[in-house]
Amino acid sequence: MENALIIGASGGIGQAITASLRQAGTAVTTLSRSEDGLDITDEASVEAALSRLGEPFDLIFVTTGALVIDGAEPEKALDQVTPRAMLDQFRVNCIGPSMVLKHARHLIPRDRRAVFAALSARVGSIGDNGIGGWYSYRTAKAALNQMIHTAAIELRRTHKQSICVTLHPGTVATDLTEKYLGRHSSVKPSEAAGNLLRVIEGLEAQDTGLFFDWAGKRVEW
C-alpha cells in the first residue's frame, strides 16, 4: 500500500503498526491524543482533525481502545455494572471509532481498493462468550462490530472496492493488558502489528463488514 492513516498512533499497537508500515515503505499519517490533541470521544475534535486531511488513504486503521477507564475495572459480576462505566466504554470503544468512520469517508478512495479497520476484541463476540463477565467492555466491542458491519453495507454503495472490518489483535503485551495477562500467552506489539497487517493485505472485497482475528480467521458475531 502507498499510504495509510493511523488513528491512535501513540498507543502500543498504534506505534507498532506505524513503525511496521514505514519500514515497508508506506507513507504514514498519524493522529493521536498525545501528539495532536485528538479526542475520539468528541465528534467536533474528530471532524476537525480529519477535515484537515485531503489525500485518500489505502488504509485507515483505528487502533484506539481502553479496558480500564477512570479506574473502573472489568466487571466480574452483574452487580458491579454502573451506567458511568458502560457509557465510558461506549464512548471510547464504539462511539470514537464510529465517528472516525463517519468523518473519514472523504479519505476513502472510490477508484481503488481501500481498507478501513478498527481494533475490536474477541470478547466482543456474543457467540464466543462462554464465561461471562467484563460486561461493559464486551458490550461496547459488540456494538463496534455492529457499527462497522452496518457501515460497510452503506459504504459499498459508493465505494465499490472498500473493505471495512474489525480485527482482534490477540493478547498483546501493552499497558492496556499488563494487569490482565495472567496465564494467557501474549505477543509483543511488533509481532501483533505484523500479524494484523498480513490480515489486512489478504482481505478481499467479499470480506467487508466482517470480524477477523490476528491469524485471518473469521470471528463469529
Protein backbone atom coordinates (compact mmCIF):
# COMPACT_ATOMS: atom_id res chain seq x y z
CA MET A 1 0.00 0.00 0.00
CA GLU A 2 1.16 3.53 -0.74
CA ASN A 3 -0.25 5.48 2.18
CA ALA A 4 -2.03 4.93 5.48
CA LEU A 5 -3.71 6.88 8.26
CA ILE A 6 -3.28 5.53 11.79
CA ILE A 7 -5.63 6.81 14.48
CA GLY A 8 -4.27 6.32 17.99
CA ALA A 9 -0.68 6.10 16.80
CA SER A 10 0.78 6.85 20.24
CA GLY A 11 -0.58 3.63 21.78
CA GLY A 12 1.34 0.36 21.92
CA ILE A 13 -0.30 -1.26 18.90
CA GLY A 14 -0.61 2.03 17.02
CA GLN A 15 3.09 2.75 17.37
CA ALA A 16 4.00 -0.74 16.19
CA ILE A 17 1.64 -0.55 13.20
CA THR A 18 3.11 2.81 12.22
CA ALA A 19 6.70 1.57 12.50
CA SER A 20 5.99 -1.59 10.52
CA LEU A 21 4.28 0.31 7.70
CA ARG A 22 7.06 2.87 7.45
CA GLN A 23 9.67 0.15 7.39
CA ALA A 24 7.81 -1.34 4.41
CA GLY A 25 7.92 1.99 2.59
CA THR A 26 4.35 3.13 3.23
CA ALA A 27 3.76 6.84 3.77
CA VAL A 28 2.02 7.07 7.14
CA THR A 29 -0.03 9.93 8.58
CA THR A 30 -0.68 9.66 12.31
CA LEU A 31 -3.21 11.17 14.69
CA SER A 32 -3.38 10.71 18.46
CA ARG A 33 -4.43 12.45 21.64
CA SER A 34 -0.89 12.94 22.96
CA GLU A 35 0.60 14.26 19.73
CA ASP A 36 -2.31 16.05 18.08
CA GLY A 37 -4.93 16.59 20.78
CA LEU A 38 -7.36 14.25 19.02
CA ASP A 39 -10.22 13.22 21.30
CA ILE A 40 -12.13 10.44 19.56
CA THR A 41 -14.95 10.73 22.10
CA ASP A 42 -15.59 14.30 20.90
CA GLU A 43 -17.12 14.45 17.42
CA ALA A 44 -16.01 18.02 16.88
CA SER A 45 -12.40 17.03 17.57
CA VAL A 46 -12.63 14.10 15.16
CA GLU A 47 -14.25 16.19 12.43
CA ALA A 48 -11.70 18.98 12.78
CA ALA A 49 -8.72 16.60 12.63
CA LEU A 50 -9.97 14.65 9.63
CA SER A 51 -11.23 17.68 7.70
CA ARG A 52 -7.65 18.93 7.52
CA LEU A 53 -6.65 15.86 5.52
CA GLY A 54 -7.42 15.78 1.82
CA GLU A 55 -5.47 12.89 0.33
CA PRO A 56 -7.23 9.49 0.07
CA PHE A 57 -5.65 6.62 2.02
CA ASP A 58 -5.25 2.96 1.10
CA LEU A 59 -5.63 2.11 4.78
CA ILE A 60 -7.33 3.89 7.65
CA PHE A 61 -6.70 1.98 10.87
CA VAL A 62 -8.30 2.95 14.19
CA THR A 63 -6.03 1.46 16.85
CA THR A 64 -7.58 3.19 19.85
CA GLY A 65 -9.22 1.39 22.74
CA ALA A 66 -9.42 1.18 26.51
CA LEU A 67 -10.09 -1.56 29.01
CA VAL A 68 -9.91 0.36 32.30
CA ILE A 69 -11.32 3.90 32.25
CA ASP A 70 -11.12 6.21 35.27
CA GLY A 71 -10.28 3.24 37.48
CA ALA A 72 -13.33 1.19 36.51
CA GLU A 73 -12.08 -2.40 36.22
CA PRO A 74 -13.76 -5.02 34.00
CA GLU A 75 -16.80 -6.29 35.92
CA LYS A 76 -16.78 -9.84 37.24
CA ALA A 77 -20.44 -9.78 38.25
CA LEU A 78 -23.65 -8.05 37.18
CA ASP A 79 -23.95 -6.09 40.42
CA GLN A 80 -20.69 -4.31 39.58
CA VAL A 81 -22.09 -2.77 36.38
CA THR A 82 -22.65 1.00 36.52
CA PRO A 83 -24.10 3.45 33.96
CA ARG A 84 -20.92 5.54 34.10
CA ALA A 85 -18.63 2.63 33.28
CA MET A 86 -20.87 1.50 30.43
CA LEU A 87 -21.09 4.99 28.95
CA ASP A 88 -17.33 5.47 29.19
CA GLN A 89 -16.70 2.16 27.43
CA PHE A 90 -19.14 3.05 24.67
CA ARG A 91 -17.56 6.46 24.15
CA VAL A 92 -14.04 5.10 23.73
CA ASN A 93 -14.58 1.68 22.18
CA CYS A 94 -17.63 2.22 19.98
CA ILE A 95 -18.57 5.87 19.51
CA GLY A 96 -14.99 7.02 18.91
CA PRO A 97 -14.19 4.65 16.01
CA SER A 98 -17.70 5.21 14.64
CA MET A 99 -17.15 8.97 14.49
CA VAL A 100 -13.82 8.42 12.76
CA LEU A 101 -15.53 6.37 10.06
CA LYS A 102 -18.33 8.93 9.74
CA HIS A 103 -15.90 11.77 9.10
CA ALA A 104 -13.28 9.81 7.16
CA ARG A 105 -15.43 8.88 4.18
CA HIS A 106 -13.87 11.60 2.04
CA LEU A 107 -10.49 9.97 2.71
CA ILE A 108 -11.55 6.59 1.32
CA PRO A 109 -10.81 6.38 -2.44
CA ARG A 110 -13.63 5.44 -4.79
CA ASP A 111 -11.43 4.17 -7.63
CA ARG A 112 -9.31 1.51 -5.91
CA ARG A 113 -9.14 -0.97 -3.05
CA ALA A 114 -9.08 0.65 0.37
CA VAL A 115 -9.40 -0.76 3.88
CA PHE A 116 -10.95 0.79 6.97
CA ALA A 117 -10.09 -1.29 10.03
CA ALA A 118 -10.84 -0.85 13.72
CA LEU A 119 -9.46 -2.81 16.64
CA SER A 120 -12.12 -4.92 18.31
CA ALA A 121 -11.68 -7.85 20.70
CA ARG A 122 -12.74 -11.47 20.73
CA VAL A 123 -14.59 -10.85 23.98
CA GLY A 124 -16.94 -8.67 21.91
CA SER A 125 -18.21 -11.81 20.19
CA ILE A 126 -21.60 -12.82 21.53
CA GLY A 127 -21.39 -16.31 20.06
CA ASP A 128 -17.93 -16.95 21.52
CA ASN A 129 -18.84 -15.78 25.02
CA GLY A 130 -18.84 -18.84 27.24
CA ILE A 131 -17.55 -17.47 30.54
CA GLY A 132 -19.37 -14.15 31.06
CA GLY A 133 -18.04 -11.13 32.90
CA TRP A 134 -16.44 -7.95 31.51
CA TYR A 135 -19.92 -6.62 30.78
CA SER A 136 -19.21 -3.05 29.69
CA TYR A 137 -16.12 -3.79 27.61
CA ARG A 138 -17.74 -6.78 25.90
CA THR A 139 -20.88 -4.83 25.10
CA ALA A 140 -19.02 -1.81 23.71
CA LYS A 141 -16.92 -4.00 21.41
CA ALA A 142 -20.01 -5.90 20.25
CA ALA A 143 -21.61 -2.56 19.42
CA LEU A 144 -18.49 -1.54 17.47
CA ASN A 145 -18.72 -4.74 15.44
CA GLN A 146 -22.32 -3.93 14.56
CA MET A 147 -21.46 -0.36 13.59
CA ILE A 148 -18.68 -1.44 11.24
CA HIS A 149 -20.79 -4.23 9.74
CA THR A 150 -23.67 -1.84 9.08
CA ALA A 151 -21.47 0.96 7.73
CA ALA A 152 -19.74 -1.46 5.37
CA ILE A 153 -23.07 -2.13 3.65
CA GLU A 154 -23.70 1.57 3.08
CA LEU A 155 -20.13 2.37 2.06
CA ARG A 156 -20.03 -0.27 -0.66
CA ARG A 157 -22.81 1.57 -2.49
CA THR A 158 -20.48 4.49 -3.22
CA HIS A 159 -17.02 2.96 -2.69
CA LYS A 160 -17.23 -0.30 -4.59
CA GLN A 161 -13.78 -1.58 -3.64
CA SER A 162 -13.87 -0.56 0.01
CA ILE A 163 -13.36 -3.11 2.77
CA CYS A 164 -14.47 -2.31 6.35
CA VAL A 165 -13.55 -4.76 9.10
CA THR A 166 -12.98 -5.15 12.80
CA LEU A 167 -9.87 -7.01 13.93
CA HIS A 168 -8.94 -8.94 17.06
CA PRO A 169 -5.20 -8.50 17.65
CA GLY A 170 -4.82 -11.36 20.11
CA THR A 171 -3.45 -10.75 23.58
CA VAL A 172 -0.84 -8.06 23.17
CA ALA A 173 1.60 -7.05 25.90
CA THR A 174 0.73 -3.35 26.27
CA ASP A 175 -0.11 -1.02 29.14
CA LEU A 176 -3.79 -1.78 28.48
CA THR A 177 -3.43 -5.52 29.09
CA GLU A 178 -0.50 -5.71 31.52
CA LYS A 179 -2.62 -6.31 34.61
CA TYR A 180 -4.82 -8.92 32.93
CA LEU A 181 -2.34 -11.18 31.13
CA GLY A 182 -2.30 -13.82 33.87
CA ARG A 183 -1.82 -17.24 32.31
CA HIS A 184 -2.69 -16.06 28.82
CA SER A 185 0.10 -16.13 26.28
CA SER A 186 0.82 -12.75 24.74
CA VAL A 187 2.80 -11.25 21.89
CA LYS A 188 4.81 -8.07 21.60
CA PRO A 189 3.19 -5.12 19.81
CA SER A 190 5.61 -5.52 16.89
CA GLU A 191 4.50 -9.11 16.35
CA ALA A 192 0.84 -8.15 16.65
CA ALA A 193 1.38 -5.39 14.09
CA GLY A 194 2.90 -7.83 11.61
CA ASN A 195 0.01 -10.25 12.11
CA LEU A 196 -2.66 -7.59 11.63
CA LEU A 197 -1.04 -6.10 8.55
CA ARG A 198 -0.81 -9.54 6.94
CA VAL A 199 -4.53 -10.00 7.55
CA ILE A 200 -5.27 -6.59 6.02
CA GLU A 201 -3.15 -7.34 2.96
CA GLY A 202 -5.08 -10.56 2.40
CA LEU A 203 -8.58 -9.07 2.65
CA GLU A 204 -10.81 -9.26 -0.40
CA ALA A 205 -13.97 -7.40 -1.39
CA GLN A 206 -16.27 -10.10 -0.01
CA ASP A 207 -14.66 -9.72 3.43
CA THR A 208 -16.13 -6.27 4.03
CA GLY A 209 -18.27 -5.96 7.12
CA LEU A 210 -16.70 -8.97 8.85
CA PHE A 211 -14.70 -9.60 12.03
CA PHE A 212 -11.31 -11.36 11.85
CA ASP A 213 -8.66 -12.41 14.34
CA TRP A 214 -4.91 -11.87 14.08
CA ALA A 215 -4.49 -15.10 12.10
CA GLY A 216 -7.08 -14.12 9.49
CA LYS A 217 -9.77 -16.42 10.84
CA ARG A 218 -13.32 -15.10 10.94
CA VAL A 219 -14.69 -14.49 14.45
CA GLU A 220 -18.38 -15.18 14.94
CA TRP A 221 -20.64 -12.35 15.98
